[in-house]
Amino acid sequence: MNPTHHLSFWPYDYRDRVVLGWKGLLVGVGVADVVFFLVPGVIKASLDPQYAAYQLSFLPILMVFGALPIGLVGLPTAMLLGKLLRGIRNQWIHVAAFIVAGALVGTLVGAAHTGWTIHTLAYMTLPAALGAGIGRLAVWKPVLINDHPSLT
């Protein structure tokens, strides 16, 4: 938000410093979805370069089928975290919080399915952390920013 605008044009709570609409939220989750499935594909392709194209050819299929779990886990997590961070103006703190939250959620979900293994770290924790962080970076510009001083 431009600082020259009057506070009455801010449709959110006056304590909210950073707000993202539905379109931005969906873009961020979409980018996170792509990154989440791209990272394991790149890891697998780097381990076996001969089949790199084959490994990465599954990316579109994984993204489509992964939209449901991303929507059921990632979207609510992003919405909750975004709501908690609304009062913080520094967007780098938002990115860091999304990376940490992505790592925690990825680890918990991965450990529930595969146990506490290196597989969980490489194929769930790292992709979830990078996906969440890059997804938040992708919506840096579309966020609405309230630069007005707080009324309290």
Protein backbone atom coordinates (compact mmCIF):
# COMPACT_ATOMS: atom_id res chain seq x y z
CA MET A 1 0.00 0.00 0.00
CA ASN A 2 1.28 3.41 -0.87
CA PRO A 3 2.07 5.42 2.29
CA THR A 4 0.26 8.44 0.83
CA HIS A 5 -3.08 6.61 0.99
CA HIS A 6 -5.25 7.38 3.95
CA LEU A 7 -5.74 4.62 6.53
CA SER A 8 -9.45 4.45 5.69
CA PHE A 9 -8.51 2.75 2.40
CA TRP A 10 -6.95 -0.16 4.32
CA PRO A 11 -9.75 -2.77 4.43
CA TYR A 12 -7.99 -4.93 7.05
CA ASP A 13 -7.24 -4.51 10.72
CA TYR A 14 -5.03 -1.48 11.37
CA ARG A 15 -2.40 -3.72 13.03
CA ASP A 16 -2.02 -5.84 9.89
CA ARG A 17 1.17 -4.89 8.09
CA VAL A 18 1.31 -7.52 5.32
CA VAL A 19 -1.78 -9.06 3.72
CA LEU A 20 -2.10 -11.40 0.75
CA GLY A 21 -5.31 -12.04 -1.18
CA TRP A 22 -6.67 -15.35 -2.48
CA LYS A 23 -5.03 -15.04 -5.89
CA GLY A 24 -1.63 -14.49 -4.33
CA LEU A 25 -2.20 -17.36 -1.92
CA LEU A 26 -3.00 -19.71 -4.79
CA VAL A 27 0.07 -18.54 -6.73
CA GLY A 28 2.27 -19.15 -3.68
CA VAL A 29 0.82 -22.62 -3.11
CA GLY A 30 1.16 -23.41 -6.83
CA VAL A 31 4.83 -22.42 -6.84
CA ALA A 32 5.37 -24.42 -3.65
CA ASP A 33 3.73 -27.43 -5.35
CA VAL A 34 6.09 -27.21 -8.32
CA VAL A 35 9.18 -26.81 -6.14
CA PHE A 36 8.07 -29.56 -3.74
CA PHE A 37 7.98 -32.10 -6.57
CA LEU A 38 10.88 -30.66 -8.57
CA VAL A 39 13.43 -31.01 -5.73
CA PRO A 40 13.10 -34.82 -5.36
CA GLY A 41 13.12 -35.14 -9.15
CA VAL A 42 16.36 -33.20 -9.34
CA ILE A 43 17.85 -35.26 -6.49
CA LYS A 44 16.92 -38.51 -8.23
CA ALA A 45 18.11 -37.23 -11.60
CA SER A 46 21.46 -36.15 -10.13
CA LEU A 47 21.92 -39.59 -8.57
CA ASP A 48 21.21 -41.29 -11.89
CA PRO A 49 21.90 -38.80 -14.71
CA GLN A 50 21.27 -41.42 -17.38
CA TYR A 51 17.57 -41.40 -16.48
CA ALA A 52 17.28 -37.68 -15.63
CA ALA A 53 14.76 -36.90 -18.37
CA TYR A 54 12.72 -39.96 -17.39
CA GLN A 55 12.68 -38.94 -13.72
CA LEU A 56 11.71 -35.34 -14.48
CA SER A 57 9.00 -36.40 -16.95
CA PHE A 58 6.89 -37.45 -13.95
CA LEU A 59 6.81 -33.87 -12.60
CA PRO A 60 3.49 -32.83 -14.24
CA ILE A 61 1.75 -36.01 -13.09
CA LEU A 62 3.08 -35.62 -9.54
CA MET A 63 1.95 -32.00 -9.42
CA VAL A 64 -1.59 -32.89 -10.45
CA PHE A 65 -1.90 -35.78 -8.00
CA GLY A 66 0.00 -33.84 -5.35
CA ALA A 67 -2.45 -30.95 -5.49
CA LEU A 68 -4.79 -32.75 -3.08
CA PRO A 69 -2.29 -33.32 -0.25
CA ILE A 70 -0.73 -29.90 -0.87
CA GLY A 71 -4.22 -28.41 -0.66
CA LEU A 72 -5.10 -30.36 2.47
CA VAL A 73 -1.82 -29.75 4.31
CA GLY A 74 0.05 -26.89 2.64
CA LEU A 75 -2.81 -24.48 2.04
CA PRO A 76 -4.15 -24.48 5.62
CA THR A 77 -0.62 -24.23 6.99
CA ALA A 78 0.12 -21.27 4.70
CA MET A 79 -3.15 -19.58 5.64
CA LEU A 80 -2.55 -20.01 9.37
CA LEU A 81 1.05 -18.86 9.17
CA GLY A 82 0.09 -15.89 7.00
CA LYS A 83 -2.56 -14.88 9.52
CA LEU A 84 -0.06 -15.14 12.38
CA LEU A 85 2.52 -13.05 10.49
CA ARG A 86 0.19 -10.25 9.38
CA GLY A 87 1.51 -7.87 12.01
CA ILE A 88 5.16 -8.26 10.94
CA ARG A 89 6.25 -5.83 8.21
CA ASN A 90 9.59 -7.49 7.35
CA GLN A 91 8.90 -9.97 4.57
CA TRP A 92 12.22 -11.77 5.11
CA ILE A 93 10.84 -12.90 8.46
CA HIS A 94 7.82 -14.27 6.57
CA VAL A 95 10.08 -16.21 4.17
CA ALA A 96 12.13 -17.62 7.07
CA ALA A 97 8.97 -18.62 8.95
CA PHE A 98 7.61 -20.38 5.86
CA ILE A 99 10.89 -22.28 5.42
CA VAL A 100 10.82 -23.43 9.05
CA ALA A 101 7.12 -24.32 8.92
CA GLY A 102 7.61 -26.20 5.65
CA ALA A 103 10.49 -28.16 7.15
CA LEU A 104 8.48 -29.03 10.26
CA VAL A 105 5.37 -30.08 8.35
CA GLY A 106 7.43 -31.99 5.77
CA THR A 107 9.29 -33.82 8.53
CA LEU A 108 6.13 -34.68 10.46
CA VAL A 109 4.27 -35.90 7.39
CA GLY A 110 7.32 -37.74 6.04
CA ALA A 111 8.11 -39.38 9.36
CA ALA A 112 4.52 -40.54 9.67
CA HIS A 113 4.87 -42.41 6.36
CA THR A 114 8.52 -43.49 6.23
CA GLY A 115 9.87 -43.11 9.76
CA TRP A 116 12.85 -41.01 10.80
CA THR A 117 15.13 -41.79 7.88
CA ILE A 118 17.40 -39.91 5.50
CA HIS A 119 14.66 -40.54 2.94
CA THR A 120 12.33 -38.34 5.01
CA LEU A 121 14.90 -35.55 5.14
CA ALA A 122 15.80 -35.68 1.45
CA TYR A 123 12.37 -36.29 -0.03
CA MET A 124 9.99 -34.55 2.40
CA THR A 125 11.74 -32.06 4.70
CA LEU A 126 14.00 -30.38 2.15
CA PRO A 127 11.37 -30.14 -0.62
CA ALA A 128 8.71 -28.88 1.78
CA ALA A 129 11.03 -26.25 3.25
CA LEU A 130 12.25 -25.05 -0.14
CA GLY A 131 8.75 -25.16 -1.60
CA ALA A 132 7.27 -23.11 1.22
CA GLY A 133 10.11 -20.59 1.17
CA ILE A 134 10.19 -20.14 -2.59
CA GLY A 135 6.39 -20.06 -2.68
CA ARG A 136 6.46 -17.18 -0.18
CA LEU A 137 9.18 -15.42 -2.19
CA ALA A 138 7.00 -15.75 -5.30
CA VAL A 139 4.30 -13.59 -3.72
CA TRP A 140 6.61 -10.89 -2.40
CA LYS A 141 5.29 -8.25 -4.82
CA PRO A 142 1.52 -8.98 -4.69
CA VAL A 143 1.23 -8.55 -0.92
CA LEU A 144 -0.52 -5.46 0.36
CA ILE A 145 1.62 -3.53 2.81
CA ASN A 146 0.31 -1.13 5.44
CA ASP A 147 2.99 1.45 6.26
CA HIS A 148 0.73 3.59 8.44
CA PRO A 149 1.59 3.79 12.11
CA SER A 150 -0.50 1.68 14.45
CA LEU A 151 -3.35 3.43 16.22
CA THR A 152 -2.39 1.85 19.55
